[in-house]
Each structure stands twice: as structure tokens, then as C-alpha cells.
Amino acid sequence: MDVTLSQAIVILLLVMDPVGNVPLFVSLLAPVDPRRRARVIVRECAIAFGVLLAFLFAGKQLLVLLDLSESSLNIAGGVILFLIALRMIFRTGDGVFGDTLAGEPFIVPLAVPSVAGPAAIATVVLLASRSPHRLLEWVGALSVAMAVTVVLLLFSDRISRRAGARGLLAFERLMGLILTAIAVEMLLRGVEAFVRTLHG
């Protein structure tokens, strides 16, 4: 997964899916005092950022500890991305990440898995494991992607009202289509790396 900084930012934005998360954030924050909503959004995104940073720095050690190859991580990440992308394209009543809990959300489901989901975690681990010498670049990419996510989610009420349910659904399906292509590419890279180890 040899990518540029700008590509990493785009991929991270796609897997964190801030636009697709707008309806979820709007519905889950509806019972919350409007004066607290911005604080809750920033808090949840900060927690998600911390989780992703932890995996970014500890991802390589985690792979070694669990004796996982990069090809298996590519394949697993591709499968997870593909499943999430399918749920984005063919949206069900319970949303991309399934059922959610009532009350003011804390960590679950907004921080994890909505923003820092399995696909985002797999992506940062892959970035760090394939190019550990570019760790500062990946931190920068993650910071930019998270900043964009925070801004979009802070305006989630306005975005939801302006775009409407149909507009958000159409945009999410488009993002799901792009995510499907990325997932297939990850799967192909993983299979290719695995085949090379068999012949090596």
C-alpha cells in the first residue's frame, strides 16, 4: 500500500466516512442538550483519534506479537472494507454499524466503530507496517483527515437539513462505490503477496 500523503488523507476520510456518519450523529445526539452536542462530537472524535494513533504507533508491534503477515492484514482489511462498503451502498434500517445504544453516547458507537472502525484501524496499521519510516507523514494524514471529520460532524445538523435524506444517501452510496474499489485493491494486493510467498 505505497501511497502518497494526499492519497492517505483521502483513504482515511473514506474509511472514517464523516458524511455517511452524519445521519447517525444527528439521530444519536437528538436527545442531547444542543449546547452539549459540539462538546460531545469533539470528545468522541478526540477518542477516535487517540485510538487510531495508538494503532498507528503500535500496529507493527501488534503484527509481530500476533504473528500476522502483511498479506493477511491486507486481505482482512479488504474484507472488512468491502463489507462496510456494501452496507453503505445497500443501506439497511439499522445503519452501517448495526444497532446503537440509547442515551448520550460515550465511546461506543460514535468514536468506535463509527469513526475509528475496523477499516480505519486496519488502514493505519497497514500504513505504519508498510512504511514505518514515514510515520510522521501518517500522523499528519490522520490529523488532517480527523480535522475534516470534526468540522463536517460539527455541521452535521445543517448538512442533514440542507442535503436531505436522499442527498446524504446518494453521496454515501458514491463513497461506498469508491470504498469497494479500494477494498478490492487491498484484497488483490494481499492475495498477490501471499502467492509470492508460496513461490518464494
N, C-alpha and C. Protein backbone atom coordinates (compact mmCIF):
# COMPACT_ATOMS: atom_id res chain seq x y z
N MET A 1 0.85 -1.19 0.00
CA MET A 1 0.00 0.00 0.00
C MET A 1 0.88 1.24 0.00
N ASP A 2 1.67 1.40 -1.07
CA ASP A 2 2.59 2.52 -1.19
C ASP A 2 1.82 3.72 -1.70
N VAL A 3 1.46 4.63 -0.81
CA VAL A 3 0.60 5.75 -1.15
C VAL A 3 1.27 7.07 -0.80
N THR A 4 0.81 8.13 -1.45
CA THR A 4 1.31 9.47 -1.13
C THR A 4 0.54 10.00 0.07
N LEU A 5 0.99 11.14 0.58
CA LEU A 5 0.33 11.77 1.73
C LEU A 5 -1.11 12.13 1.39
N SER A 6 -1.33 12.72 0.22
CA SER A 6 -2.69 13.12 -0.16
C SER A 6 -3.59 11.90 -0.34
N GLN A 7 -3.05 10.83 -0.91
CA GLN A 7 -3.83 9.59 -1.06
C GLN A 7 -4.20 9.01 0.30
N ALA A 8 -3.25 9.07 1.24
CA ALA A 8 -3.52 8.57 2.59
C ALA A 8 -4.65 9.36 3.25
N ILE A 9 -4.65 10.68 3.06
CA ILE A 9 -5.72 11.52 3.63
C ILE A 9 -7.07 11.13 3.04
N VAL A 10 -7.12 10.95 1.72
CA VAL A 10 -8.37 10.58 1.05
C VAL A 10 -8.86 9.22 1.54
N ILE A 11 -7.95 8.25 1.60
CA ILE A 11 -8.33 6.90 2.05
C ILE A 11 -8.86 6.95 3.48
N LEU A 12 -8.17 7.67 4.35
CA LEU A 12 -8.61 7.77 5.75
C LEU A 12 -9.98 8.44 5.85
N LEU A 13 -10.20 9.47 5.04
CA LEU A 13 -11.51 10.12 5.04
C LEU A 13 -12.60 9.16 4.57
N LEU A 14 -12.28 8.36 3.57
CA LEU A 14 -13.26 7.40 3.07
C LEU A 14 -13.60 6.35 4.11
N VAL A 15 -12.59 5.84 4.81
CA VAL A 15 -12.86 4.77 5.78
C VAL A 15 -13.50 5.32 7.07
N MET A 16 -13.21 6.59 7.40
CA MET A 16 -13.86 7.19 8.57
C MET A 16 -15.27 7.68 8.23
N ASP A 17 -15.49 7.95 6.94
CA ASP A 17 -16.82 8.24 6.39
C ASP A 17 -17.60 9.30 7.20
N PRO A 18 -17.08 10.53 7.33
CA PRO A 18 -17.80 11.55 8.11
C PRO A 18 -19.18 11.90 7.54
N VAL A 19 -19.29 11.97 6.20
CA VAL A 19 -20.59 12.30 5.60
C VAL A 19 -21.60 11.19 5.85
N GLY A 20 -21.14 9.95 5.69
CA GLY A 20 -22.02 8.82 5.96
C GLY A 20 -22.43 8.72 7.42
N ASN A 21 -21.59 9.29 8.30
CA ASN A 21 -21.90 9.26 9.74
C ASN A 21 -22.82 10.38 10.18
N VAL A 22 -23.08 11.34 9.28
CA VAL A 22 -23.93 12.49 9.64
C VAL A 22 -25.30 12.05 10.17
N PRO A 23 -26.05 11.17 9.44
CA PRO A 23 -27.36 10.76 9.97
C PRO A 23 -27.27 10.07 11.33
N LEU A 24 -26.23 9.26 11.54
CA LEU A 24 -26.05 8.56 12.81
C LEU A 24 -25.81 9.55 13.94
N PHE A 25 -24.92 10.52 13.71
CA PHE A 25 -24.63 11.52 14.72
C PHE A 25 -25.86 12.37 15.02
N VAL A 26 -26.59 12.74 13.98
CA VAL A 26 -27.80 13.56 14.17
C VAL A 26 -28.82 12.82 15.02
N SER A 27 -29.07 11.54 14.70
CA SER A 27 -30.09 10.78 15.43
C SER A 27 -29.66 10.48 16.86
N LEU A 28 -28.38 10.13 17.07
CA LEU A 28 -27.93 9.78 18.41
C LEU A 28 -27.76 11.00 19.31
N LEU A 29 -27.52 12.16 18.70
CA LEU A 29 -27.35 13.38 19.51
C LEU A 29 -28.64 14.17 19.65
N ALA A 30 -29.71 13.68 19.04
CA ALA A 30 -31.00 14.38 19.15
C ALA A 30 -31.47 14.56 20.59
N PRO A 31 -31.33 13.53 21.48
CA PRO A 31 -31.78 13.72 22.87
C PRO A 31 -30.83 14.58 23.71
N VAL A 32 -29.62 14.84 23.19
CA VAL A 32 -28.60 15.58 23.94
C VAL A 32 -28.89 17.08 23.87
N ASP A 33 -28.65 17.77 24.97
CA ASP A 33 -28.81 19.22 25.02
C ASP A 33 -28.01 19.86 23.88
N PRO A 34 -28.65 20.69 23.03
CA PRO A 34 -27.96 21.31 21.90
C PRO A 34 -26.66 22.02 22.29
N ARG A 35 -26.60 22.54 23.52
CA ARG A 35 -25.38 23.23 23.96
C ARG A 35 -24.24 22.27 24.22
N ARG A 36 -24.55 20.97 24.40
CA ARG A 36 -23.52 19.97 24.67
C ARG A 36 -23.10 19.19 23.43
N ARG A 37 -23.85 19.32 22.35
CA ARG A 37 -23.60 18.48 21.17
C ARG A 37 -22.20 18.68 20.59
N ALA A 38 -21.79 19.94 20.45
CA ALA A 38 -20.47 20.20 19.88
C ALA A 38 -19.38 19.60 20.75
N ARG A 39 -19.56 19.71 22.08
CA ARG A 39 -18.58 19.15 23.01
C ARG A 39 -18.52 17.63 22.89
N VAL A 40 -19.68 17.01 22.76
CA VAL A 40 -19.74 15.54 22.62
C VAL A 40 -19.06 15.10 21.33
N ILE A 41 -19.32 15.82 20.23
CA ILE A 41 -18.71 15.48 18.94
C ILE A 41 -17.20 15.58 19.01
N VAL A 42 -16.70 16.69 19.57
CA VAL A 42 -15.24 16.88 19.69
C VAL A 42 -14.64 15.80 20.59
N ARG A 43 -15.33 15.49 21.69
CA ARG A 43 -14.84 14.44 22.62
C ARG A 43 -14.76 13.09 21.93
N GLU A 44 -15.81 12.72 21.20
CA GLU A 44 -15.83 11.41 20.54
C GLU A 44 -14.77 11.33 19.44
N CYS A 45 -14.60 12.42 18.70
CA CYS A 45 -13.57 12.43 17.65
C CYS A 45 -12.17 12.39 18.26
N ALA A 46 -11.99 13.05 19.42
CA ALA A 46 -10.69 13.01 20.10
C ALA A 46 -10.37 11.59 20.56
N ILE A 47 -11.38 10.88 21.06
CA ILE A 47 -11.19 9.49 21.49
C ILE A 47 -10.84 8.62 20.28
N ALA A 48 -11.57 8.82 19.17
CA ALA A 48 -11.29 8.06 17.93
C ALA A 48 -9.88 8.34 17.44
N PHE A 49 -9.46 9.60 17.51
CA PHE A 49 -8.11 9.99 17.09
C PHE A 49 -7.07 9.29 17.96
N GLY A 50 -7.31 9.25 19.27
CA GLY A 50 -6.39 8.56 20.18
C GLY A 50 -6.28 7.08 19.89
N VAL A 51 -7.42 6.46 19.59
CA VAL A 51 -7.44 5.02 19.26
C VAL A 51 -6.64 4.76 17.99
N LEU A 52 -6.87 5.57 16.96
CA LEU A 52 -6.17 5.38 15.69
C LEU A 52 -4.68 5.68 15.82
N LEU A 53 -4.33 6.70 16.62
CA LEU A 53 -2.91 6.99 16.86
C LEU A 53 -2.22 5.82 17.55
N ALA A 54 -2.92 5.22 18.52
CA ALA A 54 -2.36 4.07 19.25
C ALA A 54 -2.06 2.93 18.28
N PHE A 55 -3.00 2.65 17.38
CA PHE A 55 -2.78 1.57 16.41
C PHE A 55 -1.73 1.96 15.38
N LEU A 56 -1.63 3.25 15.07
CA LEU A 56 -0.61 3.71 14.13
C LEU A 56 0.79 3.46 14.68
N PHE A 57 0.98 3.74 15.97
CA PHE A 57 2.31 3.58 16.57
C PHE A 57 2.59 2.15 17.02
N ALA A 58 1.54 1.43 17.43
CA ALA A 58 1.75 0.08 17.95
C ALA A 58 1.37 -1.00 16.95
N GLY A 59 0.95 -0.60 15.74
CA GLY A 59 0.47 -1.57 14.76
C GLY A 59 1.51 -2.60 14.37
N LYS A 60 2.74 -2.14 14.11
CA LYS A 60 3.81 -3.05 13.69
C LYS A 60 4.11 -4.07 14.79
N GLN A 61 4.20 -3.59 16.05
CA GLN A 61 4.46 -4.48 17.18
C GLN A 61 3.31 -5.47 17.37
N LEU A 62 2.09 -4.99 17.09
CA LEU A 62 0.92 -5.87 17.22
C LEU A 62 0.98 -6.99 16.20
N LEU A 63 1.40 -6.67 14.98
CA LEU A 63 1.54 -7.69 13.94
C LEU A 63 2.57 -8.74 14.34
N VAL A 64 3.69 -8.27 14.90
CA VAL A 64 4.75 -9.19 15.34
C VAL A 64 4.25 -10.05 16.49
N LEU A 65 3.57 -9.41 17.46
CA LEU A 65 3.07 -10.12 18.64
C LEU A 65 2.08 -11.22 18.25
N LEU A 66 1.19 -10.91 17.32
CA LEU A 66 0.17 -11.87 16.90
C LEU A 66 0.64 -12.76 15.75
N ASP A 67 1.89 -12.55 15.30
CA ASP A 67 2.47 -13.32 14.21
C ASP A 67 1.60 -13.25 12.96
N LEU A 68 1.22 -12.01 12.60
CA LEU A 68 0.40 -11.80 11.41
C LEU A 68 1.25 -11.23 10.29
N SER A 69 1.00 -11.70 9.09
CA SER A 69 1.73 -11.17 7.92
C SER A 69 0.98 -9.97 7.35
N GLU A 70 1.70 -9.18 6.56
CA GLU A 70 1.07 -8.02 5.93
C GLU A 70 0.01 -8.45 4.92
N SER A 71 0.25 -9.61 4.27
CA SER A 71 -0.73 -10.09 3.30
C SER A 71 -2.05 -10.47 3.98
N SER A 72 -1.97 -11.09 5.16
CA SER A 72 -3.20 -11.45 5.88
C SER A 72 -3.93 -10.20 6.35
N LEU A 73 -3.17 -9.16 6.75
CA LEU A 73 -3.78 -7.91 7.17
C LEU A 73 -4.43 -7.20 5.98
N ASN A 74 -3.76 -7.25 4.83
CA ASN A 74 -4.34 -6.68 3.61
C ASN A 74 -5.66 -7.36 3.26
N ILE A 75 -5.67 -8.69 3.33
CA ILE A 75 -6.88 -9.44 2.99
C ILE A 75 -7.98 -9.17 4.01
N ALA A 76 -7.64 -9.20 5.31
CA ALA A 76 -8.64 -8.95 6.35
C ALA A 76 -9.19 -7.53 6.25
N GLY A 77 -8.29 -6.57 6.06
CA GLY A 77 -8.72 -5.18 5.91
C GLY A 77 -9.60 -4.99 4.69
N GLY A 78 -9.24 -5.67 3.59
CA GLY A 78 -10.03 -5.60 2.36
C GLY A 78 -11.43 -6.17 2.55
N VAL A 79 -11.51 -7.30 3.26
CA VAL A 79 -12.81 -7.93 3.51
C VAL A 79 -13.70 -7.01 4.35
N ILE A 80 -13.12 -6.45 5.43
CA ILE A 80 -13.88 -5.55 6.30
C ILE A 80 -14.34 -4.33 5.52
N LEU A 81 -13.41 -3.73 4.76
CA LEU A 81 -13.75 -2.57 3.94
C LEU A 81 -14.87 -2.89 2.96
N PHE A 82 -14.77 -4.07 2.35
CA PHE A 82 -15.76 -4.49 1.35
C PHE A 82 -17.15 -4.63 1.98
N LEU A 83 -17.20 -5.23 3.17
CA LEU A 83 -18.49 -5.41 3.84
C LEU A 83 -19.10 -4.08 4.24
N ILE A 84 -18.26 -3.16 4.74
CA ILE A 84 -18.75 -1.83 5.11
C ILE A 84 -19.22 -1.08 3.86
N ALA A 85 -18.44 -1.21 2.78
CA ALA A 85 -18.81 -0.54 1.52
C ALA A 85 -20.16 -1.05 1.01
N LEU A 86 -20.38 -2.37 1.11
CA LEU A 86 -21.66 -2.93 0.67
C LEU A 86 -22.82 -2.38 1.50
N ARG A 87 -22.59 -2.22 2.82
CA ARG A 87 -23.65 -1.67 3.67
C ARG A 87 -23.88 -0.20 3.39
N MET A 88 -22.84 0.50 2.91
CA MET A 88 -23.01 1.90 2.52
C MET A 88 -23.85 2.00 1.24
N ILE A 89 -23.60 1.08 0.31
CA ILE A 89 -24.33 1.11 -0.96
C ILE A 89 -25.75 0.60 -0.79
N PHE A 90 -25.90 -0.54 -0.06
CA PHE A 90 -27.22 -1.13 0.17
C PHE A 90 -27.59 -0.91 1.62
N ARG A 91 -27.91 0.32 1.97
CA ARG A 91 -28.15 0.72 3.37
C ARG A 91 -29.36 0.00 3.95
N THR A 92 -29.19 -0.54 5.16
CA THR A 92 -30.29 -1.20 5.86
C THR A 92 -30.83 -0.27 6.94
N GLY A 93 -31.92 -0.65 7.56
CA GLY A 93 -32.56 0.20 8.57
C GLY A 93 -31.71 0.44 9.79
N ASP A 94 -30.82 -0.49 10.14
CA ASP A 94 -30.01 -0.33 11.35
C ASP A 94 -28.66 0.32 11.07
N GLY A 95 -28.46 0.87 9.87
CA GLY A 95 -27.25 1.64 9.58
C GLY A 95 -26.05 0.78 9.25
N VAL A 96 -24.92 1.45 9.02
CA VAL A 96 -23.70 0.76 8.60
C VAL A 96 -23.14 -0.13 9.68
N PHE A 97 -23.25 0.29 10.95
CA PHE A 97 -22.61 -0.44 12.03
C PHE A 97 -23.59 -1.18 12.93
N GLY A 98 -24.83 -1.37 12.47
CA GLY A 98 -25.77 -2.15 13.26
C GLY A 98 -26.48 -1.32 14.31
N ASP A 99 -27.07 -2.02 15.29
CA ASP A 99 -27.86 -1.36 16.31
C ASP A 99 -26.99 -0.47 17.18
N THR A 100 -27.59 0.62 17.71
CA THR A 100 -26.89 1.54 18.59
C THR A 100 -27.63 1.66 19.91
N LEU A 101 -26.92 2.15 20.92
CA LEU A 101 -27.50 2.27 22.24
C LEU A 101 -28.15 3.63 22.42
N ALA A 102 -29.14 3.70 23.32
CA ALA A 102 -29.83 4.95 23.60
C ALA A 102 -29.04 5.77 24.63
N GLY A 103 -29.45 7.06 24.80
CA GLY A 103 -28.78 7.91 25.77
C GLY A 103 -27.61 8.65 25.15
N GLU A 104 -26.91 9.48 25.98
CA GLU A 104 -25.75 10.22 25.45
C GLU A 104 -24.65 9.23 25.13
N PRO A 105 -24.20 9.24 23.88
CA PRO A 105 -23.16 8.27 23.50
C PRO A 105 -21.82 8.60 24.14
N PHE A 106 -21.10 7.55 24.51
CA PHE A 106 -19.75 7.70 25.04
C PHE A 106 -18.89 6.56 24.51
N ILE A 107 -17.94 6.89 23.68
CA ILE A 107 -17.02 5.97 23.00
C ILE A 107 -17.76 5.11 21.97
N VAL A 108 -18.71 4.28 22.42
CA VAL A 108 -19.49 3.43 21.52
C VAL A 108 -20.88 4.05 21.36
N PRO A 109 -21.42 4.20 20.16
CA PRO A 109 -20.87 3.77 18.87
C PRO A 109 -20.24 4.90 18.05
N LEU A 110 -20.16 6.12 18.59
CA LEU A 110 -19.68 7.24 17.76
C LEU A 110 -18.18 7.22 17.54
N ALA A 111 -17.40 7.18 18.65
CA ALA A 111 -15.93 7.15 18.49
C ALA A 111 -15.50 5.83 17.85
N VAL A 112 -15.99 4.74 18.43
CA VAL A 112 -15.73 3.38 17.94
C VAL A 112 -17.07 2.67 17.89
N PRO A 113 -17.52 2.13 16.76
CA PRO A 113 -16.77 1.95 15.50
C PRO A 113 -17.11 2.95 14.39
N SER A 114 -17.91 4.00 14.69
CA SER A 114 -18.34 4.88 13.60
C SER A 114 -17.18 5.63 12.95
N VAL A 115 -16.32 6.25 13.76
CA VAL A 115 -15.17 6.98 13.21
C VAL A 115 -13.93 6.08 13.16
N ALA A 116 -13.56 5.54 14.31
CA ALA A 116 -12.41 4.63 14.37
C ALA A 116 -12.91 3.19 14.29
N GLY A 117 -13.34 2.82 13.11
CA GLY A 117 -13.87 1.47 12.91
C GLY A 117 -12.79 0.49 12.48
N PRO A 118 -13.17 -0.76 12.25
CA PRO A 118 -12.20 -1.78 11.84
C PRO A 118 -11.42 -1.41 10.58
N ALA A 119 -12.11 -0.80 9.61
CA ALA A 119 -11.43 -0.44 8.37
C ALA A 119 -10.40 0.66 8.60
N ALA A 120 -10.74 1.66 9.42
CA ALA A 120 -9.81 2.74 9.73
C ALA A 120 -8.60 2.21 10.49
N ILE A 121 -8.86 1.32 11.44
CA ILE A 121 -7.77 0.72 12.22
C ILE A 121 -6.86 -0.10 11.32
N ALA A 122 -7.46 -0.92 10.46
CA ALA A 122 -6.66 -1.74 9.53
C ALA A 122 -5.84 -0.85 8.59
N THR A 123 -6.42 0.27 8.18
CA THR A 123 -5.72 1.19 7.27
C THR A 123 -4.50 1.80 7.92
N VAL A 124 -4.63 2.30 9.17
CA VAL A 124 -3.47 2.93 9.82
C VAL A 124 -2.39 1.89 10.15
N VAL A 125 -2.81 0.69 10.51
CA VAL A 125 -1.84 -0.37 10.78
C VAL A 125 -1.07 -0.73 9.51
N LEU A 126 -1.79 -0.79 8.38
CA LEU A 126 -1.15 -1.08 7.10
C LEU A 126 -0.18 0.02 6.71
N LEU A 127 -0.58 1.27 6.87
CA LEU A 127 0.29 2.39 6.53
C LEU A 127 1.58 2.33 7.33
N ALA A 128 1.42 2.09 8.65
CA ALA A 128 2.59 2.06 9.53
C ALA A 128 3.48 0.86 9.27
N SER A 129 2.89 -0.29 8.97
CA SER A 129 3.69 -1.50 8.78
C SER A 129 4.42 -1.50 7.45
N ARG A 130 3.79 -0.93 6.41
CA ARG A 130 4.43 -0.91 5.09
C ARG A 130 5.50 0.18 4.96
N SER A 131 5.29 1.31 5.63
CA SER A 131 6.25 2.42 5.54
C SER A 131 6.48 3.04 6.92
N PRO A 132 7.16 2.30 7.82
CA PRO A 132 7.37 2.82 9.18
C PRO A 132 8.24 4.08 9.22
N HIS A 133 9.08 4.27 8.20
CA HIS A 133 9.94 5.46 8.15
C HIS A 133 9.15 6.73 7.82
N ARG A 134 7.88 6.57 7.42
CA ARG A 134 7.03 7.72 7.08
C ARG A 134 5.97 7.97 8.15
N LEU A 135 6.28 7.56 9.37
CA LEU A 135 5.30 7.64 10.46
C LEU A 135 4.79 9.06 10.68
N LEU A 136 5.67 10.04 10.60
CA LEU A 136 5.25 11.44 10.79
C LEU A 136 4.26 11.86 9.70
N GLU A 137 4.47 11.36 8.49
CA GLU A 137 3.53 11.65 7.40
C GLU A 137 2.16 11.07 7.69
N TRP A 138 2.15 9.85 8.22
CA TRP A 138 0.87 9.20 8.52
C TRP A 138 0.17 9.91 9.67
N VAL A 139 0.93 10.41 10.65
CA VAL A 139 0.32 11.19 11.74
C VAL A 139 -0.31 12.45 11.16
N GLY A 140 0.41 13.09 10.22
CA GLY A 140 -0.12 14.29 9.56
C GLY A 140 -1.38 13.99 8.77
N ALA A 141 -1.36 12.88 8.02
CA ALA A 141 -2.54 12.48 7.23
C ALA A 141 -3.73 12.21 8.13
N LEU A 142 -3.48 11.49 9.23
CA LEU A 142 -4.55 11.17 10.17
C LEU A 142 -5.09 12.45 10.82
N SER A 143 -4.21 13.38 11.15
CA SER A 143 -4.62 14.64 11.78
C SER A 143 -5.50 15.46 10.83
N VAL A 144 -5.09 15.55 9.56
CA VAL A 144 -5.88 16.30 8.58
C VAL A 144 -7.24 15.65 8.36
N ALA A 145 -7.24 14.31 8.19
CA ALA A 145 -8.50 13.58 7.98
C ALA A 145 -9.43 13.74 9.18
N MET A 146 -8.87 13.69 10.38
CA MET A 146 -9.69 13.83 11.58
C MET A 146 -10.22 15.26 11.72
N ALA A 147 -9.39 16.26 11.37
CA ALA A 147 -9.83 17.65 11.43
C ALA A 147 -11.02 17.89 10.49
N VAL A 148 -10.93 17.34 9.27
CA VAL A 148 -12.04 17.45 8.31
C VAL A 148 -13.28 16.76 8.86
N THR A 149 -13.08 15.58 9.46
CA THR A 149 -14.19 14.82 10.05
C THR A 149 -14.88 15.62 11.14
N VAL A 150 -14.09 16.23 12.03
CA VAL A 150 -14.65 17.02 13.14
C VAL A 150 -15.48 18.18 12.59
N VAL A 151 -14.93 18.90 11.60
CA VAL A 151 -15.64 20.05 11.03
C VAL A 151 -16.97 19.61 10.40
N LEU A 152 -16.93 18.53 9.62
CA LEU A 152 -18.16 18.04 8.98
C LEU A 152 -19.20 17.61 10.00
N LEU A 153 -18.74 16.92 11.05
CA LEU A 153 -19.68 16.42 12.05
C LEU A 153 -20.23 17.55 12.93
N LEU A 154 -19.44 18.61 13.13
CA LEU A 154 -19.94 19.77 13.89
C LEU A 154 -21.08 20.46 13.14
N PHE A 155 -21.04 20.34 11.81
CA PHE A 155 -22.11 20.92 10.98
C PHE A 155 -23.12 19.86 10.55
N SER A 156 -23.15 18.72 11.26
CA SER A 156 -24.00 17.61 10.84
C SER A 156 -25.48 17.97 10.77
N ASP A 157 -25.95 18.78 11.72
CA ASP A 157 -27.37 19.19 11.69
C ASP A 157 -27.68 19.98 10.43
N ARG A 158 -26.81 20.95 10.11
CA ARG A 158 -27.02 21.79 8.92
C ARG A 158 -26.89 20.98 7.63
N ILE A 159 -25.88 20.10 7.60
CA ILE A 159 -25.69 19.26 6.41
C ILE A 159 -26.91 18.38 6.19
N SER A 160 -27.41 17.81 7.28
CA SER A 160 -28.57 16.92 7.19
C SER A 160 -29.79 17.66 6.68
N ARG A 161 -29.99 18.91 7.16
CA ARG A 161 -31.15 19.69 6.72
C ARG A 161 -31.01 20.12 5.27
N ARG A 162 -29.80 20.56 4.88
CA ARG A 162 -29.59 21.05 3.52
C ARG A 162 -29.64 19.93 2.48
N ALA A 163 -28.91 18.86 2.74
CA ALA A 163 -28.81 17.77 1.75
C ALA A 163 -30.06 16.91 1.73
N GLY A 164 -30.69 16.77 2.88
CA GLY A 164 -31.85 15.89 2.97
C GLY A 164 -31.44 14.43 3.00
N ALA A 165 -32.39 13.57 3.34
CA ALA A 165 -32.10 12.14 3.46
C ALA A 165 -31.63 11.55 2.13
N ARG A 166 -32.28 11.95 1.03
CA ARG A 166 -31.93 11.40 -0.29
C ARG A 166 -30.53 11.84 -0.73
N GLY A 167 -30.21 13.10 -0.49
CA GLY A 167 -28.89 13.61 -0.86
C GLY A 167 -27.77 12.91 -0.11
N LEU A 168 -27.96 12.72 1.20
CA LEU A 168 -26.96 12.03 2.02
C LEU A 168 -26.81 10.58 1.59
N LEU A 169 -27.94 9.95 1.29
CA LEU A 169 -27.91 8.55 0.86
C LEU A 169 -27.18 8.40 -0.47
N ALA A 170 -27.45 9.31 -1.40
CA ALA A 170 -26.78 9.26 -2.71
C ALA A 170 -25.28 9.45 -2.55
N PHE A 171 -24.87 10.41 -1.72
CA PHE A 171 -23.44 10.67 -1.53
C PHE A 171 -22.77 9.48 -0.84
N GLU A 172 -23.46 8.89 0.14
CA GLU A 172 -22.89 7.75 0.84
C GLU A 172 -22.73 6.55 -0.09
N ARG A 173 -23.67 6.37 -1.00
CA ARG A 173 -23.56 5.27 -1.96
C ARG A 173 -22.38 5.49 -2.89
N LEU A 174 -22.15 6.74 -3.27
CA LEU A 174 -20.99 7.06 -4.11
C LEU A 174 -19.70 6.75 -3.36
N MET A 175 -19.63 7.14 -2.08
CA MET A 175 -18.46 6.83 -1.26
C MET A 175 -18.29 5.32 -1.09
N GLY A 176 -19.40 4.62 -0.97
CA GLY A 176 -19.36 3.17 -0.86
C GLY A 176 -18.79 2.52 -2.11
N LEU A 177 -19.13 3.09 -3.27
CA LEU A 177 -18.60 2.57 -4.53
C LEU A 177 -17.09 2.74 -4.60
N ILE A 178 -16.60 3.92 -4.20
CA ILE A 178 -15.15 4.17 -4.18
C ILE A 178 -14.47 3.24 -3.18
N LEU A 179 -15.12 3.07 -2.03
CA LEU A 179 -14.57 2.21 -0.98
C LEU A 179 -14.51 0.75 -1.45
N THR A 180 -15.49 0.33 -2.24
CA THR A 180 -15.48 -1.03 -2.79
C THR A 180 -14.24 -1.25 -3.66
N ALA A 181 -13.92 -0.26 -4.50
CA ALA A 181 -12.74 -0.37 -5.36
C ALA A 181 -11.46 -0.46 -4.52
N ILE A 182 -11.39 0.35 -3.45
CA ILE A 182 -10.21 0.30 -2.57
C ILE A 182 -10.12 -1.06 -1.88
N ALA A 183 -11.27 -1.59 -1.45
CA ALA A 183 -11.30 -2.89 -0.78
C ALA A 183 -10.81 -4.00 -1.71
N VAL A 184 -11.28 -3.98 -2.96
CA VAL A 184 -10.85 -4.99 -3.93
C VAL A 184 -9.35 -4.89 -4.18
N GLU A 185 -8.85 -3.65 -4.27
CA GLU A 185 -7.42 -3.45 -4.48
C GLU A 185 -6.62 -4.01 -3.30
N MET A 186 -7.09 -3.79 -2.07
CA MET A 186 -6.42 -4.34 -0.89
C MET A 186 -6.43 -5.86 -0.91
N LEU A 187 -7.57 -6.45 -1.29
CA LEU A 187 -7.66 -7.90 -1.38
C LEU A 187 -6.69 -8.45 -2.42
N LEU A 188 -6.62 -7.81 -3.58
CA LEU A 188 -5.72 -8.26 -4.64
C LEU A 188 -4.26 -8.16 -4.21
N ARG A 189 -3.91 -7.07 -3.51
CA ARG A 189 -2.54 -6.92 -3.02
C ARG A 189 -2.19 -8.02 -2.02
N GLY A 190 -3.16 -8.32 -1.14
CA GLY A 190 -2.93 -9.36 -0.14
C GLY A 190 -2.75 -10.72 -0.77
N VAL A 191 -3.61 -11.05 -1.74
CA VAL A 191 -3.52 -12.34 -2.44
C VAL A 191 -2.22 -12.42 -3.22
N GLU A 192 -1.85 -11.32 -3.89
CA GLU A 192 -0.61 -11.30 -4.68
C GLU A 192 0.61 -11.53 -3.78
N ALA A 193 0.62 -10.87 -2.60
CA ALA A 193 1.74 -11.04 -1.66
C ALA A 193 1.79 -12.47 -1.14
N PHE A 194 0.62 -13.06 -0.89
CA PHE A 194 0.56 -14.44 -0.40
C PHE A 194 1.06 -15.42 -1.44
N VAL A 195 0.67 -15.22 -2.70
CA VAL A 195 1.11 -16.10 -3.80
C VAL A 195 2.62 -16.02 -3.97
N ARG A 196 3.18 -14.80 -3.83
CA ARG A 196 4.63 -14.63 -3.95
C ARG A 196 5.37 -15.41 -2.86
N THR A 197 4.81 -15.47 -1.65
CA THR A 197 5.46 -16.23 -0.57
C THR A 197 5.43 -17.73 -0.87
N LEU A 198 4.39 -18.20 -1.55
CA LEU A 198 4.31 -19.62 -1.91
C LEU A 198 5.36 -19.99 -2.94
N HIS A 199 5.61 -19.07 -3.88
CA HIS A 199 6.56 -19.36 -4.95
C HIS A 199 7.99 -18.97 -4.55
N GLY A 200 8.11 -18.23 -3.43
CA GLY A 200 9.45 -17.81 -3.00
C GLY A 200 10.11 -18.86 -2.17
